[in-house]
């Protein structure tokens, strides 16, 4: 049997609805990811999914535990060039938490940072690179910093720095809870 015949007889890939998001009793956040060469790229810049499901040739689904922080980037083009740049830093929620509806994120997430357009996305990516160059995992950064960065981007104000000292203060405060 050749590869094409084998692929035709294989079971169809699970749908996004079939990824029910359960590992034990923990409810997971499902994030759609996709890649179509030269047209569309929906991918994770950072984040640690509990599991990733390959749905078909173009689509994948990343599953995140509650309170996980992740960054999804959307890039879209047509015959004339890039038509959309989007970056979102989100935090996965439990079913009991308040969350926002975000396309491709089931059941939703807390939106910490939303950057739209080439300039804003490049500025946010530069901040992420600086944070990672300090040896800090972007997933461990304070949610308040991501919100402040998003607000400053929107208002076109100088962007806040994230330092090792600021990170240590965030970790110390989190440890007191």
Protein backbone atom coordinates (compact mmCIF):
# COMPACT_ATOMS: atom_id res chain seq x y z
CA UNK A 1 0.00 0.00 0.00
CA UNK A 2 1.51 3.39 -0.99
CA UNK A 3 1.62 6.45 1.28
CA UNK A 4 -1.39 8.15 -0.39
CA UNK A 5 -3.58 5.09 0.00
CA UNK A 6 -2.47 4.68 3.61
CA UNK A 7 -3.30 8.33 4.37
CA UNK A 8 -6.74 7.92 2.77
CA UNK A 9 -7.57 4.93 4.99
CA UNK A 10 -6.26 6.50 8.22
CA UNK A 11 -8.77 7.82 10.73
CA UNK A 12 -9.57 11.52 10.30
CA UNK A 13 -7.75 13.90 12.63
CA UNK A 14 -9.57 14.91 15.79
CA UNK A 15 -11.53 18.13 15.56
CA UNK A 16 -11.08 21.08 17.89
CA UNK A 17 -14.38 20.07 19.52
CA UNK A 18 -12.99 16.56 20.02
CA UNK A 19 -10.11 18.00 22.02
CA UNK A 20 -12.28 18.21 25.09
CA UNK A 21 -9.49 19.74 27.14
CA UNK A 22 -9.49 17.31 30.02
CA UNK A 23 -6.38 15.89 31.68
CA UNK A 24 -7.61 14.38 34.90
CA UNK A 25 -9.98 16.92 36.46
CA UNK A 26 -8.16 20.02 35.21
CA UNK A 27 -9.94 22.00 32.54
CA UNK A 28 -7.59 23.16 29.80
CA UNK A 29 -7.61 26.15 27.49
CA UNK A 30 -7.47 25.17 23.81
CA UNK A 31 -5.59 27.47 21.44
CA UNK A 32 -5.86 27.06 17.66
CA UNK A 33 -2.61 27.28 15.69
CA UNK A 34 -2.22 27.18 11.91
CA UNK A 35 0.25 27.55 9.07
CA UNK A 36 -0.47 28.04 5.38
CA UNK A 37 2.74 28.82 3.47
CA UNK A 38 3.07 32.47 2.39
CA UNK A 39 -0.53 33.25 3.49
CA UNK A 40 -1.28 32.65 7.15
CA UNK A 41 0.71 31.87 10.28
CA UNK A 42 -0.89 31.55 13.72
CA UNK A 43 1.80 30.40 16.16
CA UNK A 44 3.06 30.57 19.74
CA UNK A 45 5.93 32.96 20.51
CA UNK A 46 6.19 31.60 24.04
CA UNK A 47 4.21 29.36 26.35
CA UNK A 48 4.38 25.81 27.61
CA UNK A 49 1.38 23.77 26.42
CA UNK A 50 0.47 20.69 28.43
CA UNK A 51 -0.14 18.96 25.11
CA UNK A 52 -0.30 19.79 21.41
CA UNK A 53 -2.66 18.02 19.03
CA UNK A 54 -2.09 17.93 15.30
CA UNK A 55 -5.55 18.24 13.73
CA UNK A 56 -4.54 18.10 10.06
CA UNK A 57 -1.84 19.31 7.69
CA UNK A 58 -2.43 22.99 8.53
CA UNK A 59 -4.06 23.12 11.98
CA UNK A 60 -2.82 22.26 15.48
CA UNK A 61 -4.33 22.77 18.90
CA UNK A 62 -2.23 23.66 21.97
CA UNK A 63 -3.73 22.82 25.38
CA UNK A 64 -2.76 24.98 28.38
CA UNK A 65 -3.21 24.42 32.10
CA UNK A 66 -5.07 27.12 34.10
CA UNK A 67 -2.92 30.19 34.97
CA UNK A 68 -0.45 29.42 32.15
CA UNK A 69 0.76 32.50 30.28
CA UNK A 70 1.34 32.28 26.54
CA UNK A 71 1.81 34.52 23.52
CA UNK A 72 0.14 33.89 20.17
CA UNK A 73 1.14 35.74 17.00
CA UNK A 74 -1.01 36.06 13.91
CA UNK A 75 0.51 37.00 10.57
CA UNK A 76 -1.61 37.17 7.43
CA UNK A 77 -0.78 38.08 3.82
CA UNK A 78 -2.39 38.29 0.41
CA UNK A 79 -0.94 38.59 -3.11
CA UNK A 80 0.28 42.13 -2.39
CA UNK A 81 1.99 41.62 0.98
CA UNK A 82 1.28 41.51 4.68
CA UNK A 83 -2.24 42.52 5.65
CA UNK A 84 -2.26 41.75 9.39
CA UNK A 85 0.14 41.59 12.31
CA UNK A 86 -1.28 40.70 15.72
CA UNK A 87 0.32 39.67 19.02
CA UNK A 88 -1.61 38.63 22.12
CA UNK A 89 -0.27 37.65 25.52
CA UNK A 90 -2.94 35.68 27.36
CA UNK A 91 -3.42 33.80 30.60
CA UNK A 92 -5.42 30.57 30.66
CA UNK A 93 -8.38 30.51 33.06
CA UNK A 94 -10.46 27.95 34.88
CA UNK A 95 -14.16 27.62 33.98
CA UNK A 96 -15.02 29.60 37.14
CA UNK A 97 -12.74 32.56 36.30
CA UNK A 98 -13.86 35.59 34.35
CA UNK A 99 -12.35 35.44 30.90
CA UNK A 100 -12.61 37.14 27.53
CA UNK A 101 -13.78 35.53 24.33
CA UNK A 102 -10.90 35.43 21.88
CA UNK A 103 -11.22 33.87 18.43
CA UNK A 104 -9.43 30.52 18.34
CA UNK A 105 -9.14 30.29 22.14
CA UNK A 106 -11.65 27.98 23.86
CA UNK A 107 -13.32 28.72 26.27
CA UNK A 108 -11.48 32.04 26.46
CA UNK A 109 -8.57 33.61 28.35
CA UNK A 110 -7.49 36.72 30.22
CA UNK A 111 -6.07 39.10 27.63
CA UNK A 112 -2.96 40.71 29.12
CA UNK A 113 -1.49 42.37 26.03
CA UNK A 114 -2.94 43.03 22.59
CA UNK A 115 -0.71 44.55 19.91
CA UNK A 116 -2.09 45.19 16.43
CA UNK A 117 -0.08 46.39 13.43
CA UNK A 118 3.55 46.00 12.43
CA UNK A 119 4.98 48.75 14.65
CA UNK A 120 3.24 47.59 17.83
CA UNK A 121 4.03 43.92 17.22
CA UNK A 122 7.70 44.63 16.51
CA UNK A 123 7.93 46.79 19.66
CA UNK A 124 6.35 44.03 21.78
CA UNK A 125 8.64 41.39 20.26
CA UNK A 126 11.66 43.59 21.04
CA UNK A 127 10.54 43.79 24.71
CA UNK A 128 10.12 40.00 24.83
CA UNK A 129 13.63 39.56 23.41
CA UNK A 130 15.07 41.93 26.06
CA UNK A 131 13.29 40.03 28.85
CA UNK A 132 14.60 36.70 27.58
CA UNK A 133 18.13 38.14 27.24
CA UNK A 134 17.98 38.89 31.00
CA UNK A 135 17.50 35.16 31.60
CA UNK A 136 13.83 35.56 32.55
CA UNK A 137 11.29 33.24 30.98
CA UNK A 138 8.56 35.30 29.32
CA UNK A 139 5.96 32.97 30.85
CA UNK A 140 7.08 34.05 34.34
CA UNK A 141 6.79 37.80 33.77
CA UNK A 142 4.29 39.71 35.90
CA UNK A 143 0.82 39.95 34.28
CA UNK A 144 0.76 43.60 35.41
CA UNK A 145 3.80 44.27 33.20
CA UNK A 146 2.06 42.81 30.13
CA UNK A 147 -0.99 45.01 30.82
CA UNK A 148 1.19 48.11 31.29
CA UNK A 149 3.06 47.34 28.06
CA UNK A 150 -0.22 46.95 26.16
CA UNK A 151 -1.61 50.21 27.55
CA UNK A 152 1.59 52.10 26.71
CA UNK A 153 1.61 50.69 23.16
CA UNK A 154 -2.00 51.76 22.65
CA UNK A 155 -1.38 55.25 24.06
CA UNK A 156 1.91 55.58 22.12
CA UNK A 157 3.80 56.39 25.30
CA UNK A 158 7.36 55.29 26.19
CA UNK A 159 7.41 51.56 26.87
CA UNK A 160 8.15 50.31 30.39
CA UNK A 161 11.33 48.36 31.11
CA UNK A 162 11.25 44.98 32.83
CA UNK A 163 14.28 44.45 35.03
CA UNK A 164 15.67 41.64 37.13
CA UNK A 165 14.77 43.71 40.24
CA UNK A 166 11.17 44.16 39.10
CA UNK A 167 10.96 40.44 38.38
CA UNK A 168 12.35 39.57 41.84
CA UNK A 169 9.74 41.84 43.45
CA UNK A 170 6.97 40.12 41.45
CA UNK A 171 8.20 36.65 42.50
CA UNK A 172 8.46 37.73 46.16
CA UNK A 173 4.92 39.13 46.09
CA UNK A 174 3.59 36.00 44.43
CA UNK A 175 5.28 33.88 47.09
CA UNK A 176 3.36 35.70 49.84
CA UNK A 177 -0.04 34.59 48.55
